Amino acid sequence: MKLLVKIPKYCLGLLFLAVGVTFSIKSNLGISPVNSIGYVLSVIMGIDQGKVITVIFSVYVLLQLVLLRRKFKPQYLLQIAFSSIFGYFVSFSNSMLTFPVADFYPLQLAYLVVSIILVALGVTLYMGADLMPMPAEGVMLAITQLTGISFHKVKMIFDTAVVMISVAVGLIFAGHILGVREGTVLSALFVGKLVGVFNSMKAKMNLKTAA
């Protein structure tokens, strides 16, 4: 796949991710693990969520540099640029989708389902571009490379760690838990499964096209 095709596909995936993040906020049932710290800090500090996400994701890139050292490839720094794009998309999505936060549980669940679908579509698109991982995944891959622990297990540990940090930050600075609820767990469970479904559907479509 040519770079001129990969980059727009990657960015389109980031846009789907960003809209999915907005829907998770509107559901008021909890945000996905990887975005939980950014959301909590944005609420506590009163700073635009997209800007906070950009900073946190850039820190993840620096963490990869610390972990990988000489094995860190210069092109990995492009993750910072894509983090900035994703942060902008989150800010844009939050500013455009101004409908109220749901307070009726069935509607909250509906928003959460939309969020999970959009996030899964976004992940499918940017992974399908085969360009580079997002920063959080880059950290997980670096840990896998250094320890030999399977990516799936590292992801479980990483997601659990960031959720615990989000809960702790909320309790310490706001006096209650922010952005972490049952939707956070459901996102962690079902996004990956949906990505598998979408990839399977894409593979079947490619086979039909080839035939």
N, C-alpha and C. Protein backbone atom coordinates (compact mmCIF):
# COMPACT_ATOMS: atom_id res chain seq x y z
N MET A 1 0.85 -1.19 0.00
CA MET A 1 0.00 0.00 0.00
C MET A 1 0.88 1.25 0.00
N LYS A 2 0.61 2.18 -0.92
CA LYS A 2 1.43 3.37 -1.03
C LYS A 2 1.19 4.30 0.15
N LEU A 3 2.23 5.09 0.46
CA LEU A 3 2.18 5.98 1.61
C LEU A 3 1.05 6.99 1.47
N LEU A 4 0.77 7.44 0.23
CA LEU A 4 -0.29 8.41 0.00
C LEU A 4 -1.67 7.83 0.30
N VAL A 5 -1.76 6.51 0.33
CA VAL A 5 -3.01 5.85 0.69
C VAL A 5 -3.01 5.53 2.18
N LYS A 6 -1.85 5.13 2.69
CA LYS A 6 -1.74 4.73 4.10
C LYS A 6 -2.07 5.88 5.05
N ILE A 7 -1.51 7.06 4.79
CA ILE A 7 -1.68 8.18 5.72
C ILE A 7 -3.14 8.62 5.85
N PRO A 8 -3.87 8.84 4.72
CA PRO A 8 -5.29 9.19 4.87
C PRO A 8 -6.10 8.10 5.56
N LYS A 9 -5.79 6.83 5.26
CA LYS A 9 -6.50 5.73 5.91
C LYS A 9 -6.23 5.73 7.41
N TYR A 10 -4.98 5.95 7.78
CA TYR A 10 -4.60 6.02 9.19
C TYR A 10 -5.34 7.16 9.88
N CYS A 11 -5.34 8.33 9.25
CA CYS A 11 -5.99 9.50 9.84
C CYS A 11 -7.50 9.32 9.93
N LEU A 12 -8.09 8.66 8.94
CA LEU A 12 -9.52 8.37 9.00
C LEU A 12 -9.83 7.48 10.20
N GLY A 13 -8.95 6.52 10.45
CA GLY A 13 -9.10 5.67 11.62
C GLY A 13 -9.05 6.48 12.90
N LEU A 14 -8.15 7.46 12.96
CA LEU A 14 -8.04 8.31 14.14
C LEU A 14 -9.31 9.14 14.33
N LEU A 15 -9.92 9.57 13.22
CA LEU A 15 -11.15 10.34 13.31
C LEU A 15 -12.28 9.50 13.89
N PHE A 16 -12.40 8.25 13.41
CA PHE A 16 -13.41 7.35 13.97
C PHE A 16 -13.16 7.14 15.47
N LEU A 17 -11.90 6.97 15.83
CA LEU A 17 -11.54 6.81 17.24
C LEU A 17 -11.99 8.02 18.06
N ALA A 18 -11.73 9.20 17.54
CA ALA A 18 -12.06 10.42 18.27
C ALA A 18 -13.56 10.56 18.48
N VAL A 19 -14.34 10.28 17.44
CA VAL A 19 -15.80 10.36 17.58
C VAL A 19 -16.28 9.30 18.57
N GLY A 20 -15.63 8.13 18.54
CA GLY A 20 -15.96 7.09 19.51
C GLY A 20 -15.71 7.55 20.93
N VAL A 21 -14.62 8.28 21.14
CA VAL A 21 -14.31 8.83 22.46
C VAL A 21 -15.41 9.79 22.91
N THR A 22 -15.85 10.65 21.99
CA THR A 22 -16.91 11.59 22.33
C THR A 22 -18.19 10.87 22.74
N PHE A 23 -18.56 9.84 22.00
CA PHE A 23 -19.77 9.08 22.34
C PHE A 23 -19.64 8.38 23.69
N SER A 24 -18.43 7.94 24.01
CA SER A 24 -18.24 7.31 25.33
C SER A 24 -18.44 8.33 26.44
N ILE A 25 -18.01 9.57 26.21
CA ILE A 25 -18.22 10.63 27.19
C ILE A 25 -19.71 10.93 27.32
N LYS A 26 -20.40 11.01 26.18
CA LYS A 26 -21.83 11.30 26.19
C LYS A 26 -22.64 10.19 26.85
N SER A 27 -22.11 8.97 26.83
CA SER A 27 -22.82 7.86 27.47
C SER A 27 -22.79 7.97 28.99
N ASN A 28 -21.76 8.63 29.51
CA ASN A 28 -21.56 8.78 30.95
C ASN A 28 -21.45 7.42 31.66
N LEU A 29 -20.98 6.41 30.89
CA LEU A 29 -20.79 5.08 31.47
C LEU A 29 -19.32 4.70 31.57
N GLY A 30 -18.45 5.65 31.29
CA GLY A 30 -17.02 5.37 31.37
C GLY A 30 -16.35 5.39 30.02
N ILE A 31 -15.15 5.89 30.00
CA ILE A 31 -14.37 6.02 28.76
C ILE A 31 -13.43 4.84 28.62
N SER A 32 -12.95 4.58 27.41
CA SER A 32 -12.06 3.44 27.18
C SER A 32 -10.78 3.58 27.99
N PRO A 33 -10.16 2.46 28.38
CA PRO A 33 -8.97 2.52 29.26
C PRO A 33 -7.87 3.43 28.73
N VAL A 34 -7.52 3.30 27.45
CA VAL A 34 -6.37 4.03 26.93
C VAL A 34 -6.57 5.54 26.98
N ASN A 35 -7.83 6.00 26.96
CA ASN A 35 -8.11 7.44 27.00
C ASN A 35 -8.56 7.94 28.37
N SER A 36 -8.58 7.04 29.35
CA SER A 36 -9.14 7.40 30.65
C SER A 36 -8.30 8.45 31.39
N ILE A 37 -6.98 8.30 31.37
CA ILE A 37 -6.14 9.27 32.08
C ILE A 37 -6.31 10.66 31.49
N GLY A 38 -6.31 10.75 30.17
CA GLY A 38 -6.47 12.04 29.51
C GLY A 38 -7.79 12.70 29.86
N TYR A 39 -8.85 11.90 29.91
CA TYR A 39 -10.17 12.46 30.24
C TYR A 39 -10.19 12.96 31.68
N VAL A 40 -9.70 12.15 32.60
CA VAL A 40 -9.71 12.54 34.02
C VAL A 40 -8.91 13.82 34.25
N LEU A 41 -7.73 13.89 33.67
CA LEU A 41 -6.90 15.08 33.85
C LEU A 41 -7.54 16.32 33.22
N SER A 42 -8.20 16.14 32.07
CA SER A 42 -8.84 17.28 31.41
C SER A 42 -9.98 17.83 32.27
N VAL A 43 -10.73 16.93 32.92
CA VAL A 43 -11.83 17.37 33.78
C VAL A 43 -11.28 18.09 35.02
N ILE A 44 -10.26 17.51 35.64
CA ILE A 44 -9.71 18.08 36.88
C ILE A 44 -9.01 19.42 36.62
N MET A 45 -8.25 19.47 35.53
CA MET A 45 -7.46 20.67 35.25
C MET A 45 -8.22 21.71 34.43
N GLY A 46 -9.37 21.31 33.87
CA GLY A 46 -10.15 22.24 33.06
C GLY A 46 -9.48 22.58 31.74
N ILE A 47 -8.70 21.63 31.22
CA ILE A 47 -7.99 21.83 29.95
C ILE A 47 -8.66 20.98 28.88
N ASP A 48 -8.64 21.46 27.66
CA ASP A 48 -9.23 20.73 26.53
C ASP A 48 -8.71 19.30 26.48
N GLN A 49 -9.62 18.36 26.35
CA GLN A 49 -9.25 16.95 26.39
C GLN A 49 -8.27 16.56 25.29
N GLY A 50 -8.48 17.11 24.10
CA GLY A 50 -7.59 16.78 22.99
C GLY A 50 -6.15 17.17 23.26
N LYS A 51 -5.95 18.33 23.90
CA LYS A 51 -4.59 18.78 24.23
C LYS A 51 -3.95 17.88 25.27
N VAL A 52 -4.73 17.47 26.26
CA VAL A 52 -4.19 16.59 27.30
C VAL A 52 -3.82 15.24 26.70
N ILE A 53 -4.66 14.71 25.82
CA ILE A 53 -4.37 13.43 25.17
C ILE A 53 -3.08 13.53 24.36
N THR A 54 -2.90 14.63 23.65
CA THR A 54 -1.69 14.81 22.85
C THR A 54 -0.44 14.75 23.73
N VAL A 55 -0.49 15.42 24.89
CA VAL A 55 0.65 15.42 25.80
C VAL A 55 0.91 14.02 26.35
N ILE A 56 -0.14 13.34 26.79
CA ILE A 56 0.02 12.00 27.37
C ILE A 56 0.55 11.03 26.34
N PHE A 57 0.02 11.06 25.14
CA PHE A 57 0.48 10.16 24.09
C PHE A 57 1.93 10.46 23.70
N SER A 58 2.32 11.73 23.75
CA SER A 58 3.71 12.09 23.48
C SER A 58 4.63 11.53 24.57
N VAL A 59 4.15 11.51 25.81
CA VAL A 59 4.91 10.90 26.91
C VAL A 59 5.08 9.41 26.66
N TYR A 60 4.05 8.77 26.12
CA TYR A 60 4.15 7.34 25.79
C TYR A 60 5.25 7.10 24.75
N VAL A 61 5.39 8.02 23.81
CA VAL A 61 6.46 7.88 22.81
C VAL A 61 7.82 7.99 23.47
N LEU A 62 7.98 8.94 24.39
CA LEU A 62 9.23 9.08 25.13
C LEU A 62 9.51 7.85 25.98
N LEU A 63 8.46 7.26 26.51
CA LEU A 63 8.61 6.03 27.29
C LEU A 63 9.14 4.90 26.42
N GLN A 64 8.67 4.84 25.17
CA GLN A 64 9.21 3.85 24.23
C GLN A 64 10.70 4.06 24.02
N LEU A 65 11.10 5.33 23.92
CA LEU A 65 12.52 5.66 23.73
C LEU A 65 13.35 5.17 24.91
N VAL A 66 12.82 5.36 26.12
CA VAL A 66 13.52 4.91 27.33
C VAL A 66 13.61 3.39 27.36
N LEU A 67 12.54 2.73 27.00
CA LEU A 67 12.50 1.27 27.05
C LEU A 67 13.37 0.62 25.97
N LEU A 68 13.26 1.15 24.75
CA LEU A 68 13.93 0.50 23.62
C LEU A 68 15.37 0.98 23.43
N ARG A 69 15.66 2.21 23.83
CA ARG A 69 16.99 2.80 23.68
C ARG A 69 17.48 2.71 22.24
N ARG A 70 18.54 1.95 21.99
CA ARG A 70 19.11 1.89 20.63
C ARG A 70 18.17 1.23 19.63
N LYS A 71 17.23 0.44 20.14
CA LYS A 71 16.28 -0.23 19.24
C LYS A 71 15.14 0.70 18.82
N PHE A 72 15.08 1.88 19.43
CA PHE A 72 14.05 2.86 19.06
C PHE A 72 14.37 3.45 17.70
N LYS A 73 13.44 3.32 16.77
CA LYS A 73 13.66 3.81 15.41
C LYS A 73 13.20 5.27 15.28
N PRO A 74 13.97 6.09 14.58
CA PRO A 74 13.61 7.52 14.45
C PRO A 74 12.20 7.75 13.93
N GLN A 75 11.71 6.86 13.04
CA GLN A 75 10.36 7.05 12.49
C GLN A 75 9.27 6.93 13.54
N TYR A 76 9.62 6.32 14.68
CA TYR A 76 8.63 6.21 15.76
C TYR A 76 8.23 7.58 16.29
N LEU A 77 9.10 8.58 16.09
CA LEU A 77 8.79 9.93 16.54
C LEU A 77 7.58 10.51 15.80
N LEU A 78 7.26 9.92 14.64
CA LEU A 78 6.07 10.36 13.91
C LEU A 78 4.79 10.10 14.70
N GLN A 79 4.88 9.22 15.69
CA GLN A 79 3.72 8.97 16.54
C GLN A 79 3.28 10.25 17.25
N ILE A 80 4.24 11.13 17.52
CA ILE A 80 3.90 12.40 18.17
C ILE A 80 3.02 13.24 17.25
N ALA A 81 3.38 13.25 15.95
CA ALA A 81 2.58 14.00 14.98
C ALA A 81 1.17 13.42 14.90
N PHE A 82 1.06 12.09 14.84
CA PHE A 82 -0.25 11.46 14.76
C PHE A 82 -1.02 11.63 16.07
N SER A 83 -0.32 11.72 17.18
CA SER A 83 -0.97 12.00 18.46
C SER A 83 -1.60 13.38 18.45
N SER A 84 -0.89 14.33 17.85
CA SER A 84 -1.41 15.70 17.74
C SER A 84 -2.65 15.72 16.86
N ILE A 85 -2.62 14.95 15.78
CA ILE A 85 -3.79 14.86 14.89
C ILE A 85 -4.97 14.25 15.64
N PHE A 86 -4.70 13.17 16.38
CA PHE A 86 -5.77 12.53 17.14
C PHE A 86 -6.32 13.48 18.20
N GLY A 87 -5.44 14.20 18.89
CA GLY A 87 -5.88 15.16 19.89
C GLY A 87 -6.76 16.23 19.27
N TYR A 88 -6.38 16.70 18.09
CA TYR A 88 -7.20 17.70 17.38
C TYR A 88 -8.56 17.11 17.03
N PHE A 89 -8.58 15.87 16.55
CA PHE A 89 -9.85 15.23 16.20
C PHE A 89 -10.76 15.09 17.42
N VAL A 90 -10.18 14.76 18.58
CA VAL A 90 -10.98 14.64 19.80
C VAL A 90 -11.59 16.00 20.16
N SER A 91 -10.78 17.05 20.09
CA SER A 91 -11.28 18.40 20.38
C SER A 91 -12.37 18.79 19.39
N PHE A 92 -12.14 18.49 18.12
CA PHE A 92 -13.11 18.81 17.07
C PHE A 92 -14.42 18.05 17.28
N SER A 93 -14.30 16.76 17.57
CA SER A 93 -15.49 15.94 17.77
C SER A 93 -16.29 16.41 18.99
N ASN A 94 -15.59 16.71 20.08
CA ASN A 94 -16.27 17.19 21.28
C ASN A 94 -16.98 18.52 21.04
N SER A 95 -16.39 19.36 20.19
CA SER A 95 -17.00 20.67 19.92
C SER A 95 -18.17 20.57 18.95
N MET A 96 -18.15 19.57 18.09
CA MET A 96 -19.23 19.42 17.10
C MET A 96 -20.42 18.64 17.65
N LEU A 97 -20.16 17.60 18.43
CA LEU A 97 -21.23 16.78 18.97
C LEU A 97 -21.63 17.34 20.34
N THR A 98 -22.50 18.33 20.29
CA THR A 98 -22.82 19.10 21.50
C THR A 98 -24.12 18.64 22.17
N PHE A 99 -24.68 17.51 21.73
CA PHE A 99 -25.90 17.04 22.37
C PHE A 99 -25.61 16.65 23.82
N PRO A 100 -26.65 16.69 24.67
CA PRO A 100 -26.43 16.49 26.12
C PRO A 100 -25.92 15.09 26.45
N VAL A 101 -25.25 15.00 27.59
CA VAL A 101 -24.84 13.70 28.12
C VAL A 101 -26.10 12.92 28.50
N ALA A 102 -26.14 11.65 28.16
CA ALA A 102 -27.33 10.83 28.41
C ALA A 102 -27.53 10.61 29.91
N ASP A 103 -28.78 10.68 30.36
CA ASP A 103 -29.08 10.38 31.76
C ASP A 103 -30.14 9.28 31.89
N PHE A 104 -30.53 8.70 30.73
CA PHE A 104 -31.49 7.59 30.69
C PHE A 104 -30.70 6.34 30.32
N TYR A 105 -30.71 5.34 31.21
CA TYR A 105 -29.76 4.23 31.07
C TYR A 105 -29.81 3.54 29.71
N PRO A 106 -30.98 3.22 29.15
CA PRO A 106 -31.00 2.61 27.81
C PRO A 106 -30.30 3.48 26.75
N LEU A 107 -30.48 4.82 26.85
CA LEU A 107 -29.81 5.72 25.92
C LEU A 107 -28.31 5.73 26.18
N GLN A 108 -27.92 5.66 27.45
CA GLN A 108 -26.50 5.58 27.79
C GLN A 108 -25.86 4.35 27.16
N LEU A 109 -26.57 3.22 27.25
CA LEU A 109 -26.07 1.98 26.65
C LEU A 109 -25.97 2.11 25.14
N ALA A 110 -26.95 2.78 24.54
CA ALA A 110 -26.93 2.97 23.08
C ALA A 110 -25.71 3.78 22.65
N TYR A 111 -25.44 4.87 23.38
CA TYR A 111 -24.26 5.69 23.09
C TYR A 111 -22.99 4.88 23.26
N LEU A 112 -22.97 4.04 24.29
CA LEU A 112 -21.79 3.22 24.54
C LEU A 112 -21.56 2.23 23.41
N VAL A 113 -22.64 1.62 22.92
CA VAL A 113 -22.53 0.68 21.80
C VAL A 113 -21.97 1.40 20.56
N VAL A 114 -22.50 2.60 20.29
CA VAL A 114 -21.99 3.39 19.16
C VAL A 114 -20.51 3.68 19.35
N SER A 115 -20.12 4.03 20.57
CA SER A 115 -18.72 4.32 20.87
C SER A 115 -17.83 3.11 20.58
N ILE A 116 -18.24 1.95 21.07
CA ILE A 116 -17.44 0.74 20.89
C ILE A 116 -17.29 0.41 19.41
N ILE A 117 -18.38 0.55 18.65
CA ILE A 117 -18.34 0.26 17.21
C ILE A 117 -17.39 1.23 16.50
N LEU A 118 -17.50 2.52 16.82
CA LEU A 118 -16.65 3.52 16.17
C LEU A 118 -15.18 3.33 16.52
N VAL A 119 -14.90 3.04 17.78
CA VAL A 119 -13.51 2.81 18.19
C VAL A 119 -12.95 1.59 17.47
N ALA A 120 -13.75 0.52 17.39
CA ALA A 120 -13.30 -0.69 16.70
C ALA A 120 -13.05 -0.42 15.22
N LEU A 121 -13.92 0.36 14.59
CA LEU A 121 -13.71 0.73 13.19
C LEU A 121 -12.43 1.54 13.03
N GLY A 122 -12.22 2.47 13.96
CA GLY A 122 -11.01 3.29 13.91
C GLY A 122 -9.75 2.46 14.04
N VAL A 123 -9.75 1.53 14.99
CA VAL A 123 -8.59 0.64 15.18
C VAL A 123 -8.37 -0.21 13.94
N THR A 124 -9.45 -0.73 13.37
CA THR A 124 -9.34 -1.56 12.16
C THR A 124 -8.71 -0.78 11.01
N LEU A 125 -9.13 0.48 10.87
CA LEU A 125 -8.62 1.30 9.77
C LEU A 125 -7.14 1.64 9.96
N TYR A 126 -6.78 2.13 11.14
CA TYR A 126 -5.38 2.57 11.28
C TYR A 126 -4.42 1.39 11.35
N MET A 127 -4.89 0.25 11.89
CA MET A 127 -4.03 -0.93 11.86
C MET A 127 -3.91 -1.47 10.44
N GLY A 128 -5.01 -1.37 9.70
CA GLY A 128 -5.00 -1.83 8.31
C GLY A 128 -4.09 -1.01 7.43
N ALA A 129 -3.85 0.25 7.83
CA ALA A 129 -2.94 1.09 7.05
C ALA A 129 -1.50 0.60 7.15
N ASP A 130 -1.21 -0.20 8.19
CA ASP A 130 0.12 -0.79 8.37
C ASP A 130 1.21 0.29 8.34
N LEU A 131 0.95 1.35 9.10
CA LEU A 131 1.89 2.47 9.13
C LEU A 131 2.74 2.43 10.40
N MET A 132 2.07 2.57 11.54
CA MET A 132 2.74 2.46 12.83
C MET A 132 1.67 2.38 13.92
N PRO A 133 2.02 1.84 15.08
CA PRO A 133 1.04 1.76 16.16
C PRO A 133 0.79 3.12 16.78
N MET A 134 -0.32 3.25 17.47
CA MET A 134 -0.54 4.43 18.29
C MET A 134 0.39 4.33 19.50
N PRO A 135 0.70 5.46 20.15
CA PRO A 135 1.70 5.46 21.23
C PRO A 135 1.49 4.45 22.33
N ALA A 136 0.26 4.30 22.81
CA ALA A 136 0.02 3.34 23.90
C ALA A 136 0.35 1.93 23.46
N GLU A 137 -0.05 1.60 22.24
CA GLU A 137 0.27 0.27 21.70
C GLU A 137 1.77 0.13 21.48
N GLY A 138 2.42 1.24 21.13
CA GLY A 138 3.87 1.22 20.97
C GLY A 138 4.57 0.86 22.27
N VAL A 139 4.06 1.38 23.39
CA VAL A 139 4.62 1.04 24.70
C VAL A 139 4.42 -0.44 24.98
N MET A 140 3.21 -0.94 24.68
CA MET A 140 2.91 -2.36 24.91
C MET A 140 3.83 -3.25 24.07
N LEU A 141 4.04 -2.87 22.81
CA LEU A 141 4.91 -3.64 21.92
C LEU A 141 6.35 -3.62 22.43
N ALA A 142 6.78 -2.47 22.95
CA ALA A 142 8.14 -2.36 23.48
C ALA A 142 8.31 -3.27 24.69
N ILE A 143 7.31 -3.31 25.56
CA ILE A 143 7.37 -4.19 26.74
C ILE A 143 7.39 -5.65 26.30
N THR A 144 6.56 -5.97 25.32
CA THR A 144 6.54 -7.34 24.78
C THR A 144 7.90 -7.72 24.22
N GLN A 145 8.51 -6.78 23.49
CA GLN A 145 9.82 -7.04 22.87
C GLN A 145 10.90 -7.26 23.93
N LEU A 146 10.83 -6.52 25.02
CA LEU A 146 11.86 -6.60 26.05
C LEU A 146 11.67 -7.80 26.99
N THR A 147 10.42 -8.14 27.26
CA THR A 147 10.14 -9.18 28.26
C THR A 147 9.79 -10.54 27.68
N GLY A 148 9.31 -10.55 26.44
CA GLY A 148 8.86 -11.80 25.84
C GLY A 148 7.45 -12.18 26.26
N ILE A 149 6.81 -11.35 27.08
CA ILE A 149 5.43 -11.60 27.47
C ILE A 149 4.53 -11.32 26.27
N SER A 150 3.51 -12.12 26.08
CA SER A 150 2.63 -11.96 24.93
C SER A 150 1.95 -10.59 24.95
N PHE A 151 1.67 -10.06 23.76
CA PHE A 151 1.06 -8.74 23.65
C PHE A 151 -0.28 -8.70 24.36
N HIS A 152 -1.06 -9.77 24.24
CA HIS A 152 -2.38 -9.82 24.86
C HIS A 152 -2.28 -9.62 26.37
N LYS A 153 -1.31 -10.30 27.01
CA LYS A 153 -1.15 -10.17 28.45
C LYS A 153 -0.65 -8.78 28.83
N VAL A 154 0.28 -8.26 28.03
CA VAL A 154 0.79 -6.91 28.30
C VAL A 154 -0.33 -5.89 28.20
N LYS A 155 -1.19 -6.06 27.20
CA LYS A 155 -2.32 -5.12 27.03
C LYS A 155 -3.25 -5.17 28.24
N MET A 156 -3.52 -6.36 28.74
CA MET A 156 -4.38 -6.49 29.92
C MET A 156 -3.77 -5.77 31.12
N ILE A 157 -2.46 -5.95 31.30
CA ILE A 157 -1.75 -5.30 32.42
C ILE A 157 -1.74 -3.78 32.23
N PHE A 158 -1.45 -3.35 31.02
CA PHE A 158 -1.39 -1.91 30.72
C PHE A 158 -2.74 -1.26 30.94
N ASP A 159 -3.81 -1.85 30.38
CA ASP A 159 -5.15 -1.29 30.53
C ASP A 159 -5.56 -1.22 32.00
N THR A 160 -5.24 -2.27 32.74
CA THR A 160 -5.57 -2.28 34.17
C THR A 160 -4.82 -1.18 34.91
N ALA A 161 -3.54 -1.01 34.55
CA ALA A 161 -2.71 0.00 35.21
C ALA A 161 -3.23 1.41 34.97
N VAL A 162 -3.55 1.74 33.69
CA VAL A 162 -4.02 3.10 33.40
C VAL A 162 -5.38 3.37 34.02
N VAL A 163 -6.23 2.35 34.09
CA VAL A 163 -7.53 2.54 34.74
C VAL A 163 -7.34 2.78 36.24
N MET A 164 -6.44 2.04 36.86
CA MET A 164 -6.17 2.24 38.29
C MET A 164 -5.59 3.64 38.55
N ILE A 165 -4.72 4.09 37.65
CA ILE A 165 -4.17 5.44 37.78
C ILE A 165 -5.28 6.47 37.65
N SER A 166 -6.18 6.28 36.69
CA SER A 166 -7.30 7.20 36.49
C SER A 166 -8.19 7.27 37.71
N VAL A 167 -8.48 6.10 38.29
CA VAL A 167 -9.31 6.04 39.50
C VAL A 167 -8.62 6.77 40.65
N ALA A 168 -7.31 6.52 40.82
CA ALA A 168 -6.56 7.14 41.90
C ALA A 168 -6.51 8.66 41.74
N VAL A 169 -6.26 9.13 40.53
CA VAL A 169 -6.20 10.58 40.28
C VAL A 169 -7.55 11.23 40.57
N GLY A 170 -8.62 10.58 40.13
CA GLY A 170 -9.95 11.11 40.40
C GLY A 170 -10.26 11.20 41.88
N LEU A 171 -9.93 10.14 42.61
CA LEU A 171 -10.20 10.11 44.05
C LEU A 171 -9.38 11.15 44.80
N ILE A 172 -8.11 11.30 44.40
CA ILE A 172 -7.22 12.22 45.10
C ILE A 172 -7.58 13.68 44.84
N PHE A 173 -7.82 14.03 43.57
CA PHE A 173 -7.99 15.43 43.20
C PHE A 173 -9.44 15.88 43.05
N ALA A 174 -10.35 14.94 42.85
CA ALA A 174 -11.76 15.31 42.71
C ALA A 174 -12.63 14.75 43.83
N GLY A 175 -12.09 13.79 44.56
CA GLY A 175 -12.84 13.21 45.65
C GLY A 175 -13.78 12.09 45.25
N HIS A 176 -13.79 11.77 43.94
CA HIS A 176 -14.63 10.67 43.46
C HIS A 176 -14.06 10.16 42.13
N ILE A 177 -14.54 9.01 41.70
CA ILE A 177 -14.06 8.40 40.47
C ILE A 177 -14.62 9.15 39.26
N LEU A 178 -13.76 9.43 38.30
CA LEU A 178 -14.16 10.12 37.09
C LEU A 178 -13.89 9.24 35.86
N GLY A 179 -14.88 9.14 34.98
CA GLY A 179 -14.66 8.51 33.67
C GLY A 179 -14.43 7.02 33.67
N VAL A 180 -14.54 6.36 34.81
CA VAL A 180 -14.33 4.91 34.87
C VAL A 180 -15.60 4.28 35.44
N ARG A 181 -16.29 3.53 34.57
CA ARG A 181 -17.50 2.84 34.99
C ARG A 181 -17.58 1.51 34.23
N GLU A 182 -18.77 0.94 34.18
CA GLU A 182 -18.93 -0.33 33.50
C GLU A 182 -18.60 -0.24 32.02
N GLY A 183 -18.81 0.95 31.44
CA GLY A 183 -18.49 1.14 30.02
C GLY A 183 -17.01 0.98 29.74
N THR A 184 -16.17 1.33 30.72
CA THR A 184 -14.73 1.16 30.57
C THR A 184 -14.38 -0.31 30.41
N VAL A 185 -14.99 -1.14 31.24
CA VAL A 185 -14.76 -2.58 31.18
C VAL A 185 -15.31 -3.17 29.88
N LEU A 186 -16.52 -2.74 29.50
CA LEU A 186 -17.14 -3.25 28.28
C LEU A 186 -16.33 -2.87 27.04
N SER A 187 -15.79 -1.66 27.05
CA SER A 187 -14.93 -1.23 25.93
C SER A 187 -13.69 -2.11 25.83
N ALA A 188 -13.08 -2.37 26.98
CA ALA A 188 -11.88 -3.20 27.01
C ALA A 188 -12.18 -4.61 26.50
N LEU A 189 -13.37 -5.11 26.80
CA LEU A 189 -13.73 -6.48 26.42
C LEU A 189 -14.13 -6.62 24.96
N PHE A 190 -14.88 -5.62 24.44
CA PHE A 190 -15.52 -5.81 23.15
C PHE A 190 -14.86 -5.11 21.96
N VAL A 191 -14.05 -4.10 22.20
CA VAL A 191 -13.40 -3.42 21.06
C VAL A 191 -12.51 -4.40 20.30
N GLY A 192 -11.68 -5.14 21.04
CA GLY A 192 -10.79 -6.10 20.40
C GLY A 192 -11.55 -7.17 19.63
N LYS A 193 -12.66 -7.63 20.21
CA LYS A 193 -13.46 -8.66 19.55
C LYS A 193 -14.06 -8.12 18.25
N LEU A 194 -14.54 -6.88 18.28
CA LEU A 194 -15.12 -6.27 17.08
C LEU A 194 -14.07 -6.04 16.00
N VAL A 195 -12.87 -5.66 16.43
CA VAL A 195 -11.78 -5.48 15.47
C VAL A 195 -11.54 -6.80 14.72
N GLY A 196 -11.57 -7.91 15.47
CA GLY A 196 -11.42 -9.22 14.84
C GLY A 196 -12.53 -9.51 13.85
N VAL A 197 -13.76 -9.13 14.21
CA VAL A 197 -14.90 -9.33 13.30
C VAL A 197 -14.74 -8.49 12.04
N PHE A 198 -14.37 -7.22 12.20
CA PHE A 198 -14.20 -6.33 11.05
C PHE A 198 -13.07 -6.81 10.14
N ASN A 199 -11.98 -7.27 10.73
CA ASN A 199 -10.88 -7.79 9.93
C ASN A 199 -11.28 -9.04 9.17
N SER A 200 -12.08 -9.88 9.81
CA SER A 200 -12.57 -11.10 9.14
C SER A 200 -13.48 -10.74 7.98
N MET A 201 -14.36 -9.76 8.18
CA MET A 201 -15.25 -9.30 7.11
C MET A 201 -14.45 -8.72 5.95
N LYS A 202 -13.41 -7.95 6.29
CA LYS A 202 -12.56 -7.35 5.25
C LYS A 202 -11.84 -8.42 4.45
N ALA A 203 -11.35 -9.46 5.14
CA ALA A 203 -10.66 -10.56 4.47
C ALA A 203 -11.60 -11.29 3.51
N LYS A 204 -12.83 -11.51 3.94
CA LYS A 204 -13.82 -12.18 3.07
C LYS A 204 -14.14 -11.36 1.85
N MET A 205 -14.27 -10.03 2.05
CA MET A 205 -14.54 -9.14 0.92
C MET A 205 -13.39 -9.12 -0.07
N ASN A 206 -12.16 -9.15 0.45
CA ASN A 206 -10.99 -9.17 -0.42
C ASN A 206 -10.93 -10.47 -1.24
N LEU A 207 -11.33 -11.58 -0.62
CA LEU A 207 -11.36 -12.86 -1.32
C LEU A 207 -12.38 -12.85 -2.44
N LYS A 208 -13.55 -12.26 -2.17
CA LYS A 208 -14.59 -12.18 -3.20
C LYS A 208 -14.16 -11.29 -4.35
N THR A 209 -13.47 -10.17 -3.99
CA THR A 209 -12.98 -9.27 -5.02
C THR A 209 -11.94 -9.94 -5.90
N ALA A 210 -11.04 -10.71 -5.22
CA ALA A 210 -9.98 -11.41 -5.97
C ALA A 210 -10.56 -12.48 -6.88
N ALA A 211 -11.66 -13.09 -6.42
CA ALA A 211 -12.29 -14.15 -7.22
C ALA A 211 -13.00 -13.55 -8.43
